[in-house]
Amino acid sequence: MSNFNERLLTGILFVIVLLGAIYQSELASSILFFVIILLCQREFYSFFKASEIKPQALVGVLGGLGFFLASVIAFQANLNFNTLFLIVPLIFFVFVLELFRERKEPIANIGYTILGIIYVSVPFTLLHQISYFNNYDFGTSYNYEVLIGYFFVLWANDTGAYLVGRKFGKTKLFERISPKKTWEGAIGGLFFGLLLGYINSQIFNGLDTLTWMAIALIVVVFGSLGDLVESLFKRSLGIKDSGKILPGHGGVLDRFDGIFISAPMVYTFLKILSIW
């Protein structure tokens, strides 16, 4: 099978599994996000295998998964508290545990352990909380529409940027970090992302057009920045792909890099709307 066909088949299966789980049920989407967080955090901590930096990988993975599960349980059990505060004792537990490890780079170990939780688990947890946004407020009723609409915009931005950039791209966007990305591609991604934001407003009933367009703009801008941040990480460590689990695509982190900054920003925007 050619690389293009392999990439296409993997992409189709990836989309079917993701959208199918989100559409199917609250439980299915929770299980899927749990698995994605696990795979992403494992890939993140594997970045440092060849260096003297040794993050507390097991603690980071268990802490990230525990944080996500606490959020899911809080929503499903209708517990009236914000799970974000749970990240505080988890972070400082990492400091204490490093006392007993006798490693050469304790500060770096602590830093990268915490980064793995904040960079991967927190964004996915906040993204999953978006599925409880109904009637401009966060409740306990599961609603797949905003979550699926988010992914539609994210993929439209990626696809538009790739197609337009490949055809018309000349002006480098951020050559030091990602030599292939261009301003023309970024504008193409913006156009397709906003177009899908408008389409979302027509097929989903929960939010008005202006809100969907605002969400689309946030996803496009910060999704593109998230892609660049992921490239920055890999370039600084001399890594091409985060993993090999997805044939033709690389690692799971590579497929979700647009989420890690855009999801917290969309969540914050929706949280502000719910307060108003």
C-alpha atoms as a PDB file:
ATOM      1  CA  MET A   1       0.000   0.000   0.000  1.00  0.00           C
ATOM      2  CA  SER A   2       1.352   3.444  -0.945  1.00  0.00           C
ATOM      3  CA  ASN A   3       2.008   6.019   1.740  1.00  0.00           C
ATOM      4  CA  PHE A   4      -0.855   8.186   0.469  1.00  0.00           C
ATOM      5  CA  ASN A   5      -3.368   5.327   0.570  1.00  0.00           C
ATOM      6  CA  GLU A   6      -2.104   4.258   3.983  1.00  0.00           C
ATOM      7  CA  ARG A   7      -2.436   7.809   5.268  1.00  0.00           C
ATOM      8  CA  LEU A   8      -5.917   8.169   3.747  1.00  0.00           C
ATOM      9  CA  LEU A   9      -7.192   4.888   5.190  1.00  0.00           C
ATOM     10  CA  THR A  10      -5.802   5.667   8.637  1.00  0.00           C
ATOM     11  CA  GLY A  11      -7.359   9.134   8.517  1.00  0.00           C
ATOM     12  CA  ILE A  12     -10.788   7.787   7.572  1.00  0.00           C
ATOM     13  CA  LEU A  13     -10.743   5.162  10.331  1.00  0.00           C
ATOM     14  CA  PHE A  14      -9.499   7.762  12.806  1.00  0.00           C
ATOM     15  CA  VAL A  15     -12.401  10.113  12.014  1.00  0.00           C
ATOM     16  CA  ILE A  16     -14.992   7.313  12.117  1.00  0.00           C
ATOM     17  CA  VAL A  17     -13.827   6.082  15.528  1.00  0.00           C
ATOM     18  CA  LEU A  18     -13.590   9.572  17.024  1.00  0.00           C
ATOM     19  CA  LEU A  19     -16.917  10.919  15.769  1.00  0.00           C
ATOM     20  CA  GLY A  20     -18.644   7.584  16.320  1.00  0.00           C
ATOM     21  CA  ALA A  21     -17.638   7.456  19.978  1.00  0.00           C
ATOM     22  CA  ILE A  22     -18.602  11.089  20.615  1.00  0.00           C
ATOM     23  CA  TYR A  23     -21.976  10.619  18.902  1.00  0.00           C
ATOM     24  CA  GLN A  24     -22.670   7.219  20.472  1.00  0.00           C
ATOM     25  CA  SER A  25     -22.773   8.148  24.145  1.00  0.00           C
ATOM     26  CA  GLU A  26     -21.249   9.907  27.102  1.00  0.00           C
ATOM     27  CA  LEU A  27     -19.599   6.653  28.206  1.00  0.00           C
ATOM     28  CA  ALA A  28     -18.107   5.911  24.776  1.00  0.00           C
ATOM     29  CA  SER A  29     -16.631   9.397  24.454  1.00  0.00           C
ATOM     30  CA  SER A  30     -15.209   9.194  27.990  1.00  0.00           C
ATOM     31  CA  ILE A  31     -13.512   5.862  27.243  1.00  0.00           C
ATOM     32  CA  LEU A  32     -12.109   7.229  23.983  1.00  0.00           C
ATOM     33  CA  PHE A  33     -10.696  10.354  25.647  1.00  0.00           C
ATOM     34  CA  PHE A  34      -9.207   8.211  28.424  1.00  0.00           C
ATOM     35  CA  VAL A  35      -7.365   6.092  25.849  1.00  0.00           C
ATOM     36  CA  ILE A  36      -6.214   9.154  23.890  1.00  0.00           C
ATOM     37  CA  ILE A  37      -4.814  10.817  27.027  1.00  0.00           C
ATOM     38  CA  LEU A  38      -2.996   7.600  27.934  1.00  0.00           C
ATOM     39  CA  LEU A  39      -1.411   7.280  24.482  1.00  0.00           C
ATOM     40  CA  CYS A  40      -0.518  10.982  24.230  1.00  0.00           C
ATOM     41  CA  GLN A  41       1.114  11.111  27.647  1.00  0.00           C
ATOM     42  CA  ARG A  42       3.122   7.943  26.950  1.00  0.00           C
ATOM     43  CA  GLU A  43       4.388   9.511  23.721  1.00  0.00           C
ATOM     44  CA  PHE A  44       5.206  12.774  25.467  1.00  0.00           C
ATOM     45  CA  TYR A  45       7.307  11.155  28.196  1.00  0.00           C
ATOM     46  CA  SER A  46       9.037   8.908  25.647  1.00  0.00           C
ATOM     47  CA  PHE A  47      10.549  12.064  24.118  1.00  0.00           C
ATOM     48  CA  PHE A  48      13.171  12.012  26.888  1.00  0.00           C
ATOM     49  CA  LYS A  49      14.262   8.360  26.806  1.00  0.00           C
ATOM     50  CA  ALA A  50      17.586   9.156  25.162  1.00  0.00           C
ATOM     51  CA  SER A  51      18.472  12.041  27.500  1.00  0.00           C
ATOM     52  CA  GLU A  52      19.484  12.372  31.133  1.00  0.00           C
ATOM     53  CA  ILE A  53      16.123  13.961  31.876  1.00  0.00           C
ATOM     54  CA  LYS A  54      13.883  11.335  33.459  1.00  0.00           C
ATOM     55  CA  PRO A  55      10.343  12.608  34.137  1.00  0.00           C
ATOM     56  CA  GLN A  56       8.140  10.681  36.544  1.00  0.00           C
ATOM     57  CA  ALA A  57       6.319   9.095  33.624  1.00  0.00           C
ATOM     58  CA  LEU A  58       4.131   6.709  35.613  1.00  0.00           C
ATOM     59  CA  VAL A  59       3.104   9.436  38.057  1.00  0.00           C
ATOM     60  CA  GLY A  60       2.407  11.808  35.175  1.00  0.00           C
ATOM     61  CA  VAL A  61       0.264   9.299  33.284  1.00  0.00           C
ATOM     62  CA  LEU A  62      -1.671   8.159  36.363  1.00  0.00           C
ATOM     63  CA  GLY A  63      -2.102  11.743  37.511  1.00  0.00           C
ATOM     64  CA  GLY A  64      -3.332  12.874  34.102  1.00  0.00           C
ATOM     65  CA  LEU A  65      -5.776   9.999  33.796  1.00  0.00           C
ATOM     66  CA  GLY A  66      -6.943  10.490  37.379  1.00  0.00           C
ATOM     67  CA  PHE A  67      -7.581  14.167  36.739  1.00  0.00           C
ATOM     68  CA  PHE A  68      -9.657  13.316  33.662  1.00  0.00           C
ATOM     69  CA  LEU A  69     -11.636  10.616  35.491  1.00  0.00           C
ATOM     70  CA  ALA A  70     -12.372  12.991  38.377  1.00  0.00           C
ATOM     71  CA  SER A  71     -13.820  15.464  35.887  1.00  0.00           C
ATOM     72  CA  VAL A  72     -15.975  12.818  34.180  1.00  0.00           C
ATOM     73  CA  ILE A  73     -17.279  11.465  37.493  1.00  0.00           C
ATOM     74  CA  ALA A  74     -18.067  14.964  38.741  1.00  0.00           C
ATOM     75  CA  PHE A  75     -20.224  15.696  35.707  1.00  0.00           C
ATOM     76  CA  GLN A  76     -21.896  12.284  35.497  1.00  0.00           C
ATOM     77  CA  ALA A  77     -22.665  12.193  39.226  1.00  0.00           C
ATOM     78  CA  ASN A  78     -23.875  15.806  39.188  1.00  0.00           C
ATOM     79  CA  LEU A  79     -21.290  16.862  41.769  1.00  0.00           C
ATOM     80  CA  ASN A  80     -21.347  20.616  42.096  1.00  0.00           C
ATOM     81  CA  PHE A  81     -17.624  21.455  42.213  1.00  0.00           C
ATOM     82  CA  ASN A  82     -14.865  22.444  39.833  1.00  0.00           C
ATOM     83  CA  THR A  83     -12.338  19.629  39.384  1.00  0.00           C
ATOM     84  CA  LEU A  84      -9.593  22.002  38.254  1.00  0.00           C
ATOM     85  CA  PHE A  85      -8.479  22.494  41.859  1.00  0.00           C
ATOM     86  CA  LEU A  86      -7.409  18.819  41.946  1.00  0.00           C
ATOM     87  CA  ILE A  87      -4.441  19.694  39.738  1.00  0.00           C
ATOM     88  CA  VAL A  88      -2.866  21.663  42.618  1.00  0.00           C
ATOM     89  CA  PRO A  89      -2.065  18.778  45.049  1.00  0.00           C
ATOM     90  CA  LEU A  90      -1.116  16.580  42.090  1.00  0.00           C
ATOM     91  CA  ILE A  91       1.529  19.054  40.922  1.00  0.00           C
ATOM     92  CA  PHE A  92       3.102  19.461  44.347  1.00  0.00           C
ATOM     93  CA  PHE A  93       3.117  15.712  44.935  1.00  0.00           C
ATOM     94  CA  VAL A  94       5.536  15.517  41.997  1.00  0.00           C
ATOM     95  CA  PHE A  95       7.976  17.815  43.866  1.00  0.00           C
ATOM     96  CA  VAL A  96       7.928  15.616  46.958  1.00  0.00           C
ATOM     97  CA  LEU A  97       8.335  12.358  45.064  1.00  0.00           C
ATOM     98  CA  GLU A  98      11.448  13.618  43.290  1.00  0.00           C
ATOM     99  CA  LEU A  99      13.213  13.723  46.677  1.00  0.00           C
ATOM    100  CA  PHE A 100      13.357   9.915  46.658  1.00  0.00           C
ATOM    101  CA  ARG A 101      14.483   9.291  43.071  1.00  0.00           C
ATOM    102  CA  GLU A 102      18.196  10.268  43.152  1.00  0.00           C
ATOM    103  CA  ARG A 103      18.260  11.501  39.552  1.00  0.00           C
ATOM    104  CA  LYS A 104      20.769  13.896  37.991  1.00  0.00           C
ATOM    105  CA  GLU A 105      18.262  16.488  36.731  1.00  0.00           C
ATOM    106  CA  PRO A 106      15.608  16.876  39.457  1.00  0.00           C
ATOM    107  CA  ILE A 107      14.392  20.307  38.358  1.00  0.00           C
ATOM    108  CA  ALA A 108      13.989  19.215  34.729  1.00  0.00           C
ATOM    109  CA  ASN A 109      12.382  15.945  35.846  1.00  0.00           C
ATOM    110  CA  ILE A 110       9.790  17.810  37.911  1.00  0.00           C
ATOM    111  CA  GLY A 111       9.183  20.358  35.168  1.00  0.00           C
ATOM    112  CA  TYR A 112       8.612  17.839  32.384  1.00  0.00           C
ATOM    113  CA  THR A 113       6.455  15.601  34.579  1.00  0.00           C
ATOM    114  CA  ILE A 114       4.136  18.506  35.316  1.00  0.00           C
ATOM    115  CA  LEU A 115       4.278  19.681  31.704  1.00  0.00           C
ATOM    116  CA  GLY A 116       3.050  16.276  30.527  1.00  0.00           C
ATOM    117  CA  ILE A 117      -0.043  16.641  32.715  1.00  0.00           C
ATOM    118  CA  ILE A 118      -0.769  20.271  31.869  1.00  0.00           C
ATOM    119  CA  TYR A 119       0.025  19.983  28.151  1.00  0.00           C
ATOM    120  CA  VAL A 120      -1.944  16.763  27.506  1.00  0.00           C
ATOM    121  CA  SER A 121      -4.442  15.870  30.225  1.00  0.00           C
ATOM    122  CA  VAL A 122      -5.760  19.331  31.075  1.00  0.00           C
ATOM    123  CA  PRO A 123      -6.648  20.295  27.464  1.00  0.00           C
ATOM    124  CA  PHE A 124      -8.374  16.969  26.795  1.00  0.00           C
ATOM    125  CA  THR A 125     -10.250  17.192  30.081  1.00  0.00           C
ATOM    126  CA  LEU A 126     -11.452  20.707  29.274  1.00  0.00           C
ATOM    127  CA  LEU A 127     -12.348  19.608  25.747  1.00  0.00           C
ATOM    128  CA  HIS A 128     -14.470  16.800  27.137  1.00  0.00           C
ATOM    129  CA  GLN A 129     -16.183  19.233  29.507  1.00  0.00           C
ATOM    130  CA  ILE A 130     -17.318  21.165  26.432  1.00  0.00           C
ATOM    131  CA  SER A 131     -19.697  18.273  25.759  1.00  0.00           C
ATOM    132  CA  TYR A 132     -21.689  19.373  28.824  1.00  0.00           C
ATOM    133  CA  PHE A 133     -22.299  22.886  27.480  1.00  0.00           C
ATOM    134  CA  ASN A 134     -26.029  23.358  26.879  1.00  0.00           C
ATOM    135  CA  ASN A 135     -28.127  26.515  26.492  1.00  0.00           C
ATOM    136  CA  TYR A 136     -25.079  28.676  27.160  1.00  0.00           C
ATOM    137  CA  ASP A 137     -24.311  27.025  30.466  1.00  0.00           C
ATOM    138  CA  PHE A 138     -22.325  24.043  31.749  1.00  0.00           C
ATOM    139  CA  GLY A 139     -24.703  21.450  33.166  1.00  0.00           C
ATOM    140  CA  THR A 140     -24.779  17.691  33.616  1.00  0.00           C
ATOM    141  CA  SER A 141     -26.517  16.730  30.369  1.00  0.00           C
ATOM    142  CA  TYR A 142     -24.256  15.317  27.640  1.00  0.00           C
ATOM    143  CA  ASN A 143     -24.384  17.195  24.323  1.00  0.00           C
ATOM    144  CA  TYR A 144     -22.186  15.963  21.478  1.00  0.00           C
ATOM    145  CA  GLU A 145     -22.959  18.852  19.099  1.00  0.00           C
ATOM    146  CA  VAL A 146     -20.439  21.423  20.322  1.00  0.00           C
ATOM    147  CA  LEU A 147     -17.705  18.803  20.601  1.00  0.00           C
ATOM    148  CA  ILE A 148     -18.266  17.417  17.107  1.00  0.00           C
ATOM    149  CA  GLY A 149     -18.554  20.949  15.716  1.00  0.00           C
ATOM    150  CA  TYR A 150     -15.209  21.782  17.331  1.00  0.00           C
ATOM    151  CA  PHE A 151     -13.536  18.887  15.497  1.00  0.00           C
ATOM    152  CA  PHE A 152     -15.204  19.866  12.210  1.00  0.00           C
ATOM    153  CA  VAL A 153     -13.626  23.322  12.442  1.00  0.00           C
ATOM    154  CA  LEU A 154     -10.252  21.943  13.542  1.00  0.00           C
ATOM    155  CA  TRP A 155     -10.083  19.526  10.615  1.00  0.00           C
ATOM    156  CA  ALA A 156     -11.344  22.134   8.156  1.00  0.00           C
ATOM    157  CA  ASN A 157      -8.547  24.449   9.239  1.00  0.00           C
ATOM    158  CA  ASP A 158      -5.922  21.710   8.832  1.00  0.00           C
ATOM    159  CA  THR A 159      -7.277  20.611   5.458  1.00  0.00           C
ATOM    160  CA  GLY A 160      -7.668  24.135   4.111  1.00  0.00           C
ATOM    161  CA  ALA A 161      -4.186  25.131   5.243  1.00  0.00           C
ATOM    162  CA  TYR A 162      -2.685  22.032   3.616  1.00  0.00           C
ATOM    163  CA  LEU A 163      -4.523  22.345   0.286  1.00  0.00           C
ATOM    164  CA  VAL A 164      -4.141  26.104  -0.155  1.00  0.00           C
ATOM    165  CA  GLY A 165      -0.582  26.084   1.136  1.00  0.00           C
ATOM    166  CA  ARG A 166       0.402  23.299  -1.234  1.00  0.00           C
ATOM    167  CA  LYS A 167      -1.136  25.081  -4.227  1.00  0.00           C
ATOM    168  CA  PHE A 168      -0.385  28.738  -3.523  1.00  0.00           C
ATOM    169  CA  GLY A 169       1.994  28.820  -0.555  1.00  0.00           C
ATOM    170  CA  LYS A 170       5.040  31.075  -0.990  1.00  0.00           C
ATOM    171  CA  THR A 171       5.359  33.315   2.077  1.00  0.00           C
ATOM    172  CA  LYS A 172       6.790  31.445   5.046  1.00  0.00           C
ATOM    173  CA  LEU A 173       4.711  31.663   8.205  1.00  0.00           C
ATOM    174  CA  PHE A 174       7.224  30.531  10.839  1.00  0.00           C
ATOM    175  CA  GLU A 175      10.215  29.156   8.969  1.00  0.00           C
ATOM    176  CA  ARG A 176      12.380  28.692  12.060  1.00  0.00           C
ATOM    177  CA  ILE A 177       9.872  26.244  13.521  1.00  0.00           C
ATOM    178  CA  SER A 178       7.989  24.784  10.553  1.00  0.00           C
ATOM    179  CA  PRO A 179       9.547  25.527   7.134  1.00  0.00           C
ATOM    180  CA  LYS A 180       6.611  24.154   5.112  1.00  0.00           C
ATOM    181  CA  LYS A 181       3.875  26.327   6.633  1.00  0.00           C
ATOM    182  CA  THR A 182       2.928  29.507   4.753  1.00  0.00           C
ATOM    183  CA  TRP A 183       0.756  32.562   5.262  1.00  0.00           C
ATOM    184  CA  GLU A 184      -1.269  31.566   2.218  1.00  0.00           C
ATOM    185  CA  GLY A 185      -1.985  28.204   3.824  1.00  0.00           C
ATOM    186  CA  ALA A 186      -2.919  29.893   7.105  1.00  0.00           C
ATOM    187  CA  ILE A 187      -5.399  32.161   5.293  1.00  0.00           C
ATOM    188  CA  GLY A 188      -6.847  29.126   3.498  1.00  0.00           C
ATOM    189  CA  GLY A 189      -7.244  27.372   6.834  1.00  0.00           C
ATOM    190  CA  LEU A 190      -8.953  30.441   8.282  1.00  0.00           C
ATOM    191  CA  PHE A 191     -11.423  30.560   5.399  1.00  0.00           C
ATOM    192  CA  PHE A 192     -12.355  26.879   5.617  1.00  0.00           C
ATOM    193  CA  GLY A 193     -12.488  26.987   9.417  1.00  0.00           C
ATOM    194  CA  LEU A 194     -14.886  29.951   9.446  1.00  0.00           C
ATOM    195  CA  LEU A 195     -16.942  28.300   6.720  1.00  0.00           C
ATOM    196  CA  LEU A 196     -17.368  25.206   8.885  1.00  0.00           C
ATOM    197  CA  GLY A 197     -18.204  27.457  11.840  1.00  0.00           C
ATOM    198  CA  TYR A 198     -21.081  28.863   9.816  1.00  0.00           C
ATOM    199  CA  ILE A 199     -22.174  25.400   8.651  1.00  0.00           C
ATOM    200  CA  ASN A 200     -22.144  24.229  12.279  1.00  0.00           C
ATOM    201  CA  SER A 201     -24.545  27.029  13.153  1.00  0.00           C
ATOM    202  CA  GLN A 202     -26.939  25.752  10.492  1.00  0.00           C
ATOM    203  CA  ILE A 203     -26.879  22.055  11.406  1.00  0.00           C
ATOM    204  CA  PHE A 204     -26.607  22.337  15.195  1.00  0.00           C
ATOM    205  CA  ASN A 205     -29.331  24.153  17.116  1.00  0.00           C
ATOM    206  CA  GLY A 206     -27.702  24.894  20.459  1.00  0.00           C
ATOM    207  CA  LEU A 207     -25.623  27.980  19.595  1.00  0.00           C
ATOM    208  CA  ASP A 208     -26.222  30.979  17.364  1.00  0.00           C
ATOM    209  CA  THR A 209     -24.168  31.882  14.302  1.00  0.00           C
ATOM    210  CA  LEU A 210     -22.091  34.566  16.026  1.00  0.00           C
ATOM    211  CA  THR A 211     -21.053  32.167  18.802  1.00  0.00           C
ATOM    212  CA  TRP A 212     -20.093  29.461  16.317  1.00  0.00           C
ATOM    213  CA  MET A 213     -18.063  31.941  14.271  1.00  0.00           C
ATOM    214  CA  ALA A 214     -16.249  33.065  17.433  1.00  0.00           C
ATOM    215  CA  ILE A 215     -15.514  29.427  18.339  1.00  0.00           C
ATOM    216  CA  ALA A 216     -14.245  28.796  14.806  1.00  0.00           C
ATOM    217  CA  LEU A 217     -11.927  31.811  14.957  1.00  0.00           C
ATOM    218  CA  ILE A 218     -10.508  30.662  18.302  1.00  0.00           C
ATOM    219  CA  VAL A 219      -9.987  27.103  17.011  1.00  0.00           C
ATOM    220  CA  VAL A 220      -8.269  28.296  13.835  1.00  0.00           C
ATOM    221  CA  VAL A 221      -5.901  30.749  15.517  1.00  0.00           C
ATOM    222  CA  PHE A 222      -4.955  28.693  18.548  1.00  0.00           C
ATOM    223  CA  GLY A 223      -5.139  25.368  16.729  1.00  0.00           C
ATOM    224  CA  SER A 224      -2.507  26.648  14.300  1.00  0.00           C
ATOM    225  CA  LEU A 225      -0.398  27.913  17.190  1.00  0.00           C
ATOM    226  CA  GLY A 226      -0.715  24.540  18.907  1.00  0.00           C
ATOM    227  CA  ASP A 227       0.606  22.878  15.763  1.00  0.00           C
ATOM    228  CA  LEU A 228       3.625  25.196  15.829  1.00  0.00           C
ATOM    229  CA  VAL A 229       4.241  24.548  19.540  1.00  0.00           C
ATOM    230  CA  GLU A 230       4.276  20.796  18.906  1.00  0.00           C
ATOM    231  CA  SER A 231       6.766  21.378  16.074  1.00  0.00           C
ATOM    232  CA  LEU A 232       8.863  23.491  18.441  1.00  0.00           C
ATOM    233  CA  PHE A 233       9.007  20.656  20.980  1.00  0.00           C
ATOM    234  CA  LYS A 234       9.992  18.040  18.425  1.00  0.00           C
ATOM    235  CA  ARG A 235      12.551  20.255  16.688  1.00  0.00           C
ATOM    236  CA  SER A 236      14.238  21.115  20.000  1.00  0.00           C
ATOM    237  CA  LEU A 237      14.533  17.383  20.776  1.00  0.00           C
ATOM    238  CA  GLY A 238      15.518  16.303  17.265  1.00  0.00           C
ATOM    239  CA  ILE A 239      12.335  14.249  16.778  1.00  0.00           C
ATOM    240  CA  LYS A 240      10.417  13.995  13.497  1.00  0.00           C
ATOM    241  CA  ASP A 241       7.272  12.189  14.689  1.00  0.00           C
ATOM    242  CA  SER A 242       5.928  11.734  18.202  1.00  0.00           C
ATOM    243  CA  GLY A 243       5.337   8.028  17.530  1.00  0.00           C
ATOM    244  CA  LYS A 244       4.397   5.405  14.944  1.00  0.00           C
ATOM    245  CA  ILE A 245       1.046   4.163  16.201  1.00  0.00           C
ATOM    246  CA  LEU A 246      -0.944   5.707  13.308  1.00  0.00           C
ATOM    247  CA  PRO A 247       0.333   4.384   9.948  1.00  0.00           C
ATOM    248  CA  GLY A 248       1.128   7.247   7.595  1.00  0.00           C
ATOM    249  CA  HIS A 249       0.464   9.866  10.279  1.00  0.00           C
ATOM    250  CA  GLY A 250       3.036   9.284  13.006  1.00  0.00           C
ATOM    251  CA  GLY A 251       2.011   9.480  16.632  1.00  0.00           C
ATOM    252  CA  VAL A 252      -1.180  10.381  18.459  1.00  0.00           C
ATOM    253  CA  LEU A 253       0.333  13.646  19.659  1.00  0.00           C
ATOM    254  CA  ASP A 254       0.945  14.612  16.025  1.00  0.00           C
ATOM    255  CA  ARG A 255      -2.760  14.136  15.213  1.00  0.00           C
ATOM    256  CA  PHE A 256      -4.024  16.143  18.170  1.00  0.00           C
ATOM    257  CA  ASP A 257      -1.475  18.972  18.317  1.00  0.00           C
ATOM    258  CA  GLY A 258      -4.102  21.551  17.359  1.00  0.00           C
ATOM    259  CA  ILE A 259      -6.122  20.692  20.468  1.00  0.00           C
ATOM    260  CA  PHE A 260      -3.576  21.427  23.173  1.00  0.00           C
ATOM    261  CA  ILE A 261      -3.935  25.204  23.036  1.00  0.00           C
ATOM    262  CA  SER A 262      -7.249  25.697  21.227  1.00  0.00           C
ATOM    263  CA  ALA A 263      -9.336  23.473  23.536  1.00  0.00           C
ATOM    264  CA  PRO A 264      -8.522  25.451  26.726  1.00  0.00           C
ATOM    265  CA  MET A 265      -9.215  28.700  24.853  1.00  0.00           C
ATOM    266  CA  VAL A 266     -12.602  27.494  23.577  1.00  0.00           C
ATOM    267  CA  TYR A 267     -13.463  26.221  27.055  1.00  0.00           C
ATOM    268  CA  THR A 268     -12.560  29.603  28.549  1.00  0.00           C
ATOM    269  CA  PHE A 269     -14.687  31.398  25.968  1.00  0.00           C
ATOM    270  CA  LEU A 270     -17.695  29.173  26.710  1.00  0.00           C
ATOM    271  CA  LYS A 271     -17.117  29.571  30.449  1.00  0.00           C
ATOM    272  CA  ILE A 272     -17.261  33.349  30.053  1.00  0.00           C
ATOM    273  CA  LEU A 273     -20.511  33.008  28.097  1.00  0.00           C
ATOM    274  CA  SER A 274     -21.973  30.840  30.848  1.00  0.00           C
ATOM    275  CA  ILE A 275     -21.117  33.483  33.484  1.00  0.00           C
ATOM    276  CA  TRP A 276     -22.733  36.252  31.471  1.00  0.00           C
END
